[in-house]
C-alpha atoms as a PDB file:
ATOM      1  CA  MET A   1      -9.101   4.878  12.752  1.00  0.00           C
ATOM      2  CA  TYR A   2      -9.510   2.765   9.659  1.00  0.00           C
ATOM      3  CA  THR A   3      -7.752   3.039   6.312  1.00  0.00           C
ATOM      4  CA  VAL A   4      -9.552   2.352   3.039  1.00  0.00           C
ATOM      5  CA  GLY A   5      -8.057  -1.136   2.897  1.00  0.00           C
ATOM      6  CA  SER A   6      -8.861  -2.113   6.466  1.00  0.00           C
ATOM      7  CA  LEU A   7     -12.413  -0.816   6.254  1.00  0.00           C
ATOM      8  CA  ALA A   8     -12.990  -2.549   2.917  1.00  0.00           C
ATOM      9  CA  ARG A   9     -11.718  -5.865   4.324  1.00  0.00           C
ATOM     10  CA  SER A  10     -14.001  -5.570   7.350  1.00  0.00           C
ATOM     11  CA  PHE A  11     -17.010  -5.512   4.997  1.00  0.00           C
ATOM     12  CA  GLY A  12     -15.690  -8.033   2.489  1.00  0.00           C
ATOM     13  CA  LEU A  13     -15.360  -5.356  -0.190  1.00  0.00           C
ATOM     14  CA  SER A  14     -12.500  -4.491  -2.477  1.00  0.00           C
ATOM     15  CA  ARG A  15     -10.584  -1.294  -1.888  1.00  0.00           C
ATOM     16  CA  SER A  16     -11.732   0.010  -5.278  1.00  0.00           C
ATOM     17  CA  THR A  17     -15.382  -0.567  -4.338  1.00  0.00           C
ATOM     18  CA  LEU A  18     -14.995   1.536  -1.214  1.00  0.00           C
ATOM     19  CA  LEU A  19     -13.218   4.245  -3.213  1.00  0.00           C
ATOM     20  CA  TYR A  20     -16.110   4.181  -5.680  1.00  0.00           C
ATOM     21  CA  TYR A  21     -18.600   4.560  -2.822  1.00  0.00           C
ATOM     22  CA  ASP A  22     -16.573   7.582  -1.690  1.00  0.00           C
ATOM     23  CA  SER A  23     -16.612   9.104  -5.197  1.00  0.00           C
ATOM     24  CA  ILE A  24     -20.421   8.921  -5.396  1.00  0.00           C
ATOM     25  CA  GLY A  25     -20.883  10.185  -1.840  1.00  0.00           C
ATOM     26  CA  LEU A  26     -22.214   6.928  -0.407  1.00  0.00           C
ATOM     27  CA  CYS A  27     -19.486   6.290   2.153  1.00  0.00           C
ATOM     28  CA  LYS A  28     -17.244   9.293   2.672  1.00  0.00           C
ATOM     29  CA  PRO A  29     -14.300   9.354   5.080  1.00  0.00           C
ATOM     30  CA  SER A  30     -14.358  11.963   7.802  1.00  0.00           C
ATOM     31  CA  GLY A  31     -10.716  12.883   7.495  1.00  0.00           C
ATOM     32  CA  ARG A  32      -7.288  12.535   5.956  1.00  0.00           C
ATOM     33  CA  SER A  33      -3.986  11.481   7.462  1.00  0.00           C
ATOM     34  CA  ALA A  34      -0.835  13.604   7.335  1.00  0.00           C
ATOM     35  CA  ALA A  35       0.070  11.638   4.195  1.00  0.00           C
ATOM     36  CA  ASN A  36      -3.358  12.523   2.719  1.00  0.00           C
ATOM     37  CA  TYR A  37      -4.777   8.997   3.042  1.00  0.00           C
ATOM     38  CA  ARG A  38      -8.501   8.673   3.716  1.00  0.00           C
ATOM     39  CA  THR A  39      -9.266   7.840   7.344  1.00  0.00           C
ATOM     40  CA  TYR A  40     -12.518   6.455   8.674  1.00  0.00           C
ATOM     41  CA  THR A  41     -13.780   6.602  12.258  1.00  0.00           C
ATOM     42  CA  GLU A  42     -16.150   4.222  14.043  1.00  0.00           C
ATOM     43  CA  ASN A  43     -19.016   6.575  13.097  1.00  0.00           C
ATOM     44  CA  ASP A  44     -17.961   6.396   9.438  1.00  0.00           C
ATOM     45  CA  ARG A  45     -17.844   2.604   9.727  1.00  0.00           C
ATOM     46  CA  ALA A  46     -21.380   2.545  11.118  1.00  0.00           C
ATOM     47  CA  ARG A  47     -22.636   4.691   8.221  1.00  0.00           C
ATOM     48  CA  CYS A  48     -20.857   2.482   5.700  1.00  0.00           C
ATOM     49  CA  ARG A  49     -22.339  -0.617   7.326  1.00  0.00           C
ATOM     50  CA  CYS A  50     -25.802   0.619   6.369  1.00  0.00           C
ATOM     51  CA  CYS A  51     -24.731   0.842   2.733  1.00  0.00           C
ATOM     52  CA  THR A  52     -23.140  -2.594   2.635  1.00  0.00           C
ATOM     53  CA  ARG A  53     -25.176  -4.786   4.955  1.00  0.00           C
ATOM     54  CA  ASP A  54     -27.262  -6.675   2.371  1.00  0.00           C
ATOM     55  CA  ARG A  55     -24.590  -8.303   0.247  1.00  0.00           C
ATOM     56  CA  THR A  56     -26.217 -11.714  -0.081  1.00  0.00           C
ATOM     57  CA  LYS A  57     -27.139 -13.049  -3.470  1.00  0.00           C
ATOM     58  CA  PRO A  58     -30.703 -12.106  -4.510  1.00  0.00           C
ATOM     59  CA  ASP A  59     -31.862 -15.737  -4.618  1.00  0.00           C
ATOM     60  CA  GLN A  60     -30.671 -16.291  -1.020  1.00  0.00           C
ATOM     61  CA  ARG A  61     -32.355 -13.282   0.584  1.00  0.00           C
ATOM     62  CA  HIS A  62     -35.741 -14.849   1.189  1.00  0.00           C
ATOM     63  CA  SER A  63     -34.932 -18.553   1.330  1.00  0.00           C
ATOM     64  CA  GLN A  64     -34.992 -20.286   4.678  1.00  0.00           C
END
């Protein structure tokens, strides 16, 4: 299980960015902890990876 903070760090995102992605439905957690914290599974992480994989600067995407 991942928390918002741990999942955000694994992608190099801020916690607030991941919370924003949740609010717009881009990367939703599959559950909540007993304390009502968002929890993400490996499947959630894989879905989020698709949304965050191209984080390079636009001018670096096609240069070799």
